[in-house]
PDB file of N, CA and C in Angstrom:
ATOM      1  N   MET A   1       0.830  -1.187   0.000  1.00  0.00           N
ATOM      2  CA  MET A   1       0.000   0.000   0.000  1.00  0.00           C
ATOM      3  C   MET A   1       0.876   1.253   0.000  1.00  0.00           C
ATOM      4  N   PRO A   2       0.702   2.118  -0.978  1.00  0.00           N
ATOM      5  CA  PRO A   2       1.587   3.286  -1.078  1.00  0.00           C
ATOM      6  C   PRO A   2       1.346   4.327   0.015  1.00  0.00           C
ATOM      7  N   GLN A   3       0.163   4.386   0.609  1.00  0.00           N
ATOM      8  CA  GLN A   3      -0.071   5.406   1.615  1.00  0.00           C
ATOM      9  C   GLN A   3       0.687   5.158   2.909  1.00  0.00           C
ATOM     10  N   LEU A   4       1.251   3.966   3.090  1.00  0.00           N
ATOM     11  CA  LEU A   4       2.023   3.687   4.287  1.00  0.00           C
ATOM     12  C   LEU A   4       3.464   4.171   4.178  1.00  0.00           C
ATOM     13  N   ASN A   5       3.909   4.498   2.975  1.00  0.00           N
ATOM     14  CA  ASN A   5       5.259   5.000   2.768  1.00  0.00           C
ATOM     15  C   ASN A   5       5.215   6.529   2.907  1.00  0.00           C
ATOM     16  N   PRO A   6       5.794   7.122   3.976  1.00  0.00           N
ATOM     17  CA  PRO A   6       5.671   8.561   4.196  1.00  0.00           C
ATOM     18  C   PRO A   6       6.575   9.423   3.334  1.00  0.00           C
ATOM     19  N   ALA A   7       7.519   8.839   2.618  1.00  0.00           N
ATOM     20  CA  ALA A   7       8.503   9.646   1.898  1.00  0.00           C
ATOM     21  C   ALA A   7       7.874  10.593   0.864  1.00  0.00           C
ATOM     22  N   PRO A   8       7.063  10.146  -0.080  1.00  0.00           N
ATOM     23  CA  PRO A   8       6.532  11.121  -1.054  1.00  0.00           C
ATOM     24  C   PRO A   8       5.475  12.042  -0.448  1.00  0.00           C
ATOM     25  N   TRP A   9       4.716  11.560   0.525  1.00  0.00           N
ATOM     26  CA  TRP A   9       3.635  12.358   1.093  1.00  0.00           C
ATOM     27  C   TRP A   9       4.160  13.438   2.033  1.00  0.00           C
ATOM     28  N   PHE A  10       5.235  13.145   2.730  1.00  0.00           N
ATOM     29  CA  PHE A  10       5.799  14.161   3.619  1.00  0.00           C
ATOM     30  C   PHE A  10       6.357  15.327   2.819  1.00  0.00           C
ATOM     31  N   ALA A  11       7.008  15.047   1.711  1.00  0.00           N
ATOM     32  CA  ALA A  11       7.539  16.121   0.862  1.00  0.00           C
ATOM     33  C   ALA A  11       6.402  16.964   0.293  1.00  0.00           C
ATOM     34  N   THR A  12       5.319  16.314  -0.088  1.00  0.00           N
ATOM     35  CA  THR A  12       4.159  17.048  -0.599  1.00  0.00           C
ATOM     36  C   THR A  12       3.556  17.918   0.489  1.00  0.00           C
ATOM     37  N   LEU A  13       3.464  17.393   1.704  1.00  0.00           N
ATOM     38  CA  LEU A  13       2.931  18.159   2.823  1.00  0.00           C
ATOM     39  C   LEU A  13       3.793  19.381   3.109  1.00  0.00           C
ATOM     40  N   VAL A  14       5.091  19.203   3.168  1.00  0.00           N
ATOM     41  CA  VAL A  14       6.000  20.317   3.469  1.00  0.00           C
ATOM     42  C   VAL A  14       5.946  21.362   2.361  1.00  0.00           C
ATOM     43  N   PHE A  15       5.940  20.934   1.109  1.00  0.00           N
ATOM     44  CA  PHE A  15       5.908  21.879   0.002  1.00  0.00           C
ATOM     45  C   PHE A  15       4.591  22.651  -0.023  1.00  0.00           C
ATOM     46  N   SER A  16       3.478  21.977   0.247  1.00  0.00           N
ATOM     47  CA  SER A  16       2.192  22.677   0.234  1.00  0.00           C
ATOM     48  C   SER A  16       2.112  23.692   1.371  1.00  0.00           C
ATOM     49  N   TRP A  17       2.641  23.364   2.560  1.00  0.00           N
ATOM     50  CA  TRP A  17       2.644  24.338   3.665  1.00  0.00           C
ATOM     51  C   TRP A  17       3.597  25.492   3.367  1.00  0.00           C
ATOM     52  N   PHE A  18       4.669  25.213   2.667  1.00  0.00           N
ATOM     53  CA  PHE A  18       5.563  26.290   2.247  1.00  0.00           C
ATOM     54  C   PHE A  18       4.817  27.275   1.350  1.00  0.00           C
ATOM     55  N   ILE A  19       4.035  26.745   0.432  1.00  0.00           N
ATOM     56  CA  ILE A  19       3.250  27.607  -0.459  1.00  0.00           C
ATOM     57  C   ILE A  19       2.231  28.411   0.353  1.00  0.00           C
ATOM     58  N   PHE A  20       1.525  27.749   1.267  1.00  0.00           N
ATOM     59  CA  PHE A  20       0.493  28.430   2.050  1.00  0.00           C
ATOM     60  C   PHE A  20       1.070  29.505   2.965  1.00  0.00           C
ATOM     61  N   LEU A  21       2.255  29.293   3.499  1.00  0.00           N
ATOM     62  CA  LEU A  21       2.802  30.225   4.485  1.00  0.00           C
ATOM     63  C   LEU A  21       3.729  31.283   3.911  1.00  0.00           C
ATOM     64  N   VAL A  22       4.301  31.054   2.750  1.00  0.00           N
ATOM     65  CA  VAL A  22       5.293  31.991   2.218  1.00  0.00           C
ATOM     66  C   VAL A  22       4.805  32.693   0.956  1.00  0.00           C
ATOM     67  N   VAL A  23       4.164  31.993   0.074  1.00  0.00           N
ATOM     68  CA  VAL A  23       3.809  32.569  -1.222  1.00  0.00           C
ATOM     69  C   VAL A  23       2.452  33.272  -1.188  1.00  0.00           C
ATOM     70  N   ILE A  24       1.463  32.661  -0.586  1.00  0.00           N
ATOM     71  CA  ILE A  24       0.094  33.193  -0.653  1.00  0.00           C
ATOM     72  C   ILE A  24      -0.133  34.433   0.225  1.00  0.00           C
ATOM     73  N   PRO A  25       0.339  34.505   1.482  1.00  0.00           N
ATOM     74  CA  PRO A  25       0.034  35.703   2.300  1.00  0.00           C
ATOM     75  C   PRO A  25       0.475  37.033   1.702  1.00  0.00           C
ATOM     76  N   PRO A  26       1.668  37.168   1.127  1.00  0.00           N
ATOM     77  CA  PRO A  26       1.992  38.474   0.523  1.00  0.00           C
ATOM     78  C   PRO A  26       1.057  38.845  -0.619  1.00  0.00           C
ATOM     79  N   LYS A  27       0.600  37.857  -1.366  1.00  0.00           N
ATOM     80  CA  LYS A  27      -0.327  38.163  -2.457  1.00  0.00           C
ATOM     81  C   LYS A  27      -1.657  38.669  -1.909  1.00  0.00           C
ATOM     82  N   ILE A  28      -2.112  38.081  -0.813  1.00  0.00           N
ATOM     83  CA  ILE A  28      -3.376  38.516  -0.219  1.00  0.00           C
ATOM     84  C   ILE A  28      -3.219  39.888   0.433  1.00  0.00           C
ATOM     85  N   LEU A  29      -2.114  40.107   1.136  1.00  0.00           N
ATOM     86  CA  LEU A  29      -1.912  41.382   1.817  1.00  0.00           C
ATOM     87  C   LEU A  29      -1.649  42.533   0.845  1.00  0.00           C
ATOM     88  N   ALA A  30      -1.200  42.230  -0.365  1.00  0.00           N
ATOM     89  CA  ALA A  30      -0.937  43.277  -1.344  1.00  0.00           C
ATOM     90  C   ALA A  30      -2.196  43.693  -2.093  1.00  0.00           C
ATOM     91  N   HIS A  31      -3.301  43.022  -1.828  1.00  0.00           N
ATOM     92  CA  HIS A  31      -4.550  43.351  -2.513  1.00  0.00           C
ATOM     93  C   HIS A  31      -5.025  44.730  -2.094  1.00  0.00           C
ATOM     94  N   THR A  32      -5.396  45.535  -3.079  1.00  0.00           N
ATOM     95  CA  THR A  32      -5.940  46.855  -2.782  1.00  0.00           C
ATOM     96  C   THR A  32      -7.374  46.908  -3.275  1.00  0.00           C
ATOM     97  N   TYR A  33      -8.197  47.612  -2.532  1.00  0.00           N
ATOM     98  CA  TYR A  33      -9.588  47.756  -2.907  1.00  0.00           C
ATOM     99  C   TYR A  33      -9.740  48.940  -3.847  1.00  0.00           C
ATOM    100  N   PRO A  34     -10.569  48.824  -4.870  1.00  0.00           N
ATOM    101  CA  PRO A  34     -10.713  49.948  -5.806  1.00  0.00           C
ATOM    102  C   PRO A  34     -11.400  51.159  -5.186  1.00  0.00           C
ATOM    103  N   ASN A  35     -12.298  50.935  -4.249  1.00  0.00           N
ATOM    104  CA  ASN A  35     -13.009  52.043  -3.613  1.00  0.00           C
ATOM    105  C   ASN A  35     -12.746  51.990  -2.117  1.00  0.00           C
ATOM    106  N   GLU A  36     -12.048  52.979  -1.626  1.00  0.00           N
ATOM    107  CA  GLU A  36     -11.784  53.036  -0.195  1.00  0.00           C
ATOM    108  C   GLU A  36     -13.067  53.421   0.534  1.00  0.00           C
ATOM    109  N   PRO A  37     -13.330  52.829   1.675  1.00  0.00           N
ATOM    110  CA  PRO A  37     -14.562  53.182   2.399  1.00  0.00           C
ATOM    111  C   PRO A  37     -14.487  54.601   2.946  1.00  0.00           C
ATOM    112  N   THR A  38     -15.616  55.259   2.946  1.00  0.00           N
ATOM    113  CA  THR A  38     -15.692  56.623   3.473  1.00  0.00           C
ATOM    114  C   THR A  38     -16.477  56.601   4.772  1.00  0.00           C
ATOM    115  N   THR A  39     -16.218  57.578   5.605  1.00  0.00           N
ATOM    116  CA  THR A  39     -16.937  57.653   6.867  1.00  0.00           C
ATOM    117  C   THR A  39     -18.338  58.200   6.620  1.00  0.00           C
ATOM    118  N   GLN A  40     -19.287  57.702   7.383  1.00  0.00           N
ATOM    119  CA  GLN A  40     -20.660  58.151   7.237  1.00  0.00           C
ATOM    120  C   GLN A  40     -20.981  59.152   8.333  1.00  0.00           C
ATOM    121  N   SER A  41     -21.904  60.045   8.022  1.00  0.00           N
ATOM    122  CA  SER A  41     -22.274  61.053   9.009  1.00  0.00           C
ATOM    123  C   SER A  41     -23.128  60.406  10.093  1.00  0.00           C
ATOM    124  N   THR A  42     -23.110  61.035  11.266  1.00  0.00           N
ATOM    125  CA  THR A  42     -23.879  60.488  12.378  1.00  0.00           C
ATOM    126  C   THR A  42     -25.318  60.980  12.361  1.00  0.00           C
ATOM    127  N   GLU A  43     -25.625  61.952  11.508  1.00  0.00           N
ATOM    128  CA  GLU A  43     -26.993  62.457  11.423  1.00  0.00           C
ATOM    129  C   GLU A  43     -27.873  61.453  10.686  1.00  0.00           C
ATOM    130  N   LYS A  44     -29.064  61.236  11.237  1.00  0.00           N
ATOM    131  CA  LYS A  44     -30.004  60.342  10.579  1.00  0.00           C
ATOM    132  C   LYS A  44     -30.811  61.145   9.552  1.00  0.00           C
ATOM    133  N   PRO A  45     -31.056  60.570   8.396  1.00  0.00           N
ATOM    134  CA  PRO A  45     -31.861  61.299   7.416  1.00  0.00           C
ATOM    135  C   PRO A  45     -33.312  61.383   7.890  1.00  0.00           C
ATOM    136  N   PRO A  46     -34.000  62.435   7.507  1.00  0.00           N
ATOM    137  CA  PRO A  46     -35.397  62.556   7.941  1.00  0.00           C
ATOM    138  C   PRO A  46     -36.247  61.442   7.325  1.00  0.00           C
ATOM    139  N   THR A  47     -37.129  60.893   8.123  1.00  0.00           N
ATOM    140  CA  THR A  47     -37.988  59.822   7.629  1.00  0.00           C
ATOM    141  C   THR A  47     -39.407  60.337   7.491  1.00  0.00           C
ATOM    142  N   THR A  48     -40.099  59.810   6.525  1.00  0.00           N
ATOM    143  CA  THR A  48     -41.501  60.177   6.321  1.00  0.00           C
ATOM    144  C   THR A  48     -42.337  58.918   6.454  1.00  0.00           C
ATOM    145  N   PRO A  49     -43.560  59.041   6.974  1.00  0.00           N
ATOM    146  CA  PRO A  49     -44.396  57.842   7.094  1.00  0.00           C
ATOM    147  C   PRO A  49     -44.823  57.338   5.724  1.00  0.00           C
ATOM    148  N   TRP A  50     -44.996  56.061   5.644  1.00  0.00           N
ATOM    149  CA  TRP A  50     -45.376  55.441   4.386  1.00  0.00           C
ATOM    150  C   TRP A  50     -46.895  55.527   4.250  1.00  0.00           C
ATOM    151  N   ALA A  51     -47.357  56.161   3.181  1.00  0.00           N
ATOM    152  CA  ALA A  51     -48.799  56.284   2.949  1.00  0.00           C
ATOM    153  C   ALA A  51     -49.264  55.037   2.205  1.00  0.00           C
ATOM    154  N   TRP A  52     -50.082  54.231   2.886  1.00  0.00           N
ATOM    155  CA  TRP A  52     -50.587  53.000   2.265  1.00  0.00           C
ATOM    156  C   TRP A  52     -51.800  53.368   1.402  1.00  0.00           C
ATOM    157  N   PRO A  53     -51.698  53.232   0.089  1.00  0.00           N
ATOM    158  CA  PRO A  53     -52.796  53.667  -0.774  1.00  0.00           C
ATOM    159  C   PRO A  53     -54.030  52.772  -0.687  1.00  0.00           C
ATOM    160  N   TRP A  54     -53.937  51.554  -0.196  1.00  0.00           N
ATOM    161  CA  TRP A  54     -55.093  50.666  -0.215  1.00  0.00           C
ATOM    162  C   TRP A  54     -55.884  50.705   1.089  1.00  0.00           C
ATOM    163  N   HIS A  55     -55.533  51.611   2.009  1.00  0.00           N
ATOM    164  CA  HIS A  55     -56.335  51.751   3.230  1.00  0.00           C
ATOM    165  C   HIS A  55     -57.229  52.932   3.154  1.00  0.00           C
TER     166      HIS A  55
END
Protein backbone atom coordinates (compact mmCIF):
# COMPACT_ATOMS: atom_id res chain seq x y z
CA MET A 1 0.00 0.00 0.00
CA PRO A 2 1.59 3.29 -1.08
CA GLN A 3 -0.07 5.41 1.61
CA LEU A 4 2.02 3.69 4.29
CA ASN A 5 5.26 5.00 2.77
CA PRO A 6 5.67 8.56 4.20
CA ALA A 7 8.50 9.65 1.90
CA PRO A 8 6.53 11.12 -1.05
CA TRP A 9 3.64 12.36 1.09
CA PHE A 10 5.80 14.16 3.62
CA ALA A 11 7.54 16.12 0.86
CA THR A 12 4.16 17.05 -0.60
CA LEU A 13 2.93 18.16 2.82
CA VAL A 14 6.00 20.32 3.47
CA PHE A 15 5.91 21.88 0.00
CA SER A 16 2.19 22.68 0.23
CA TRP A 17 2.64 24.34 3.66
CA PHE A 18 5.56 26.29 2.25
CA ILE A 19 3.25 27.61 -0.46
CA PHE A 20 0.49 28.43 2.05
CA LEU A 21 2.80 30.22 4.48
CA VAL A 22 5.29 31.99 2.22
CA VAL A 23 3.81 32.57 -1.22
CA ILE A 24 0.09 33.19 -0.65
CA PRO A 25 0.03 35.70 2.30
CA PRO A 26 1.99 38.47 0.52
CA LYS A 27 -0.33 38.16 -2.46
CA ILE A 28 -3.38 38.52 -0.22
CA LEU A 29 -1.91 41.38 1.82
CA ALA A 30 -0.94 43.28 -1.34
CA HIS A 31 -4.55 43.35 -2.51
CA THR A 32 -5.94 46.86 -2.78
CA TYR A 33 -9.59 47.76 -2.91
CA PRO A 34 -10.71 49.95 -5.81
CA ASN A 35 -13.01 52.04 -3.61
CA GLU A 36 -11.78 53.04 -0.20
CA PRO A 37 -14.56 53.18 2.40
CA THR A 38 -15.69 56.62 3.47
CA THR A 39 -16.94 57.65 6.87
CA GLN A 40 -20.66 58.15 7.24
CA SER A 41 -22.27 61.05 9.01
CA THR A 42 -23.88 60.49 12.38
CA GLU A 43 -26.99 62.46 11.42
CA LYS A 44 -30.00 60.34 10.58
CA PRO A 45 -31.86 61.30 7.42
CA PRO A 46 -35.40 62.56 7.94
CA THR A 47 -37.99 59.82 7.63
CA THR A 48 -41.50 60.18 6.32
CA PRO A 49 -44.40 57.84 7.09
CA TRP A 50 -45.38 55.44 4.39
CA ALA A 51 -48.80 56.28 2.95
CA TRP A 52 -50.59 53.00 2.27
CA PRO A 53 -52.80 53.67 -0.77
CA TRP A 54 -55.09 50.67 -0.21
CA HIS A 55 -56.33 51.75 3.23
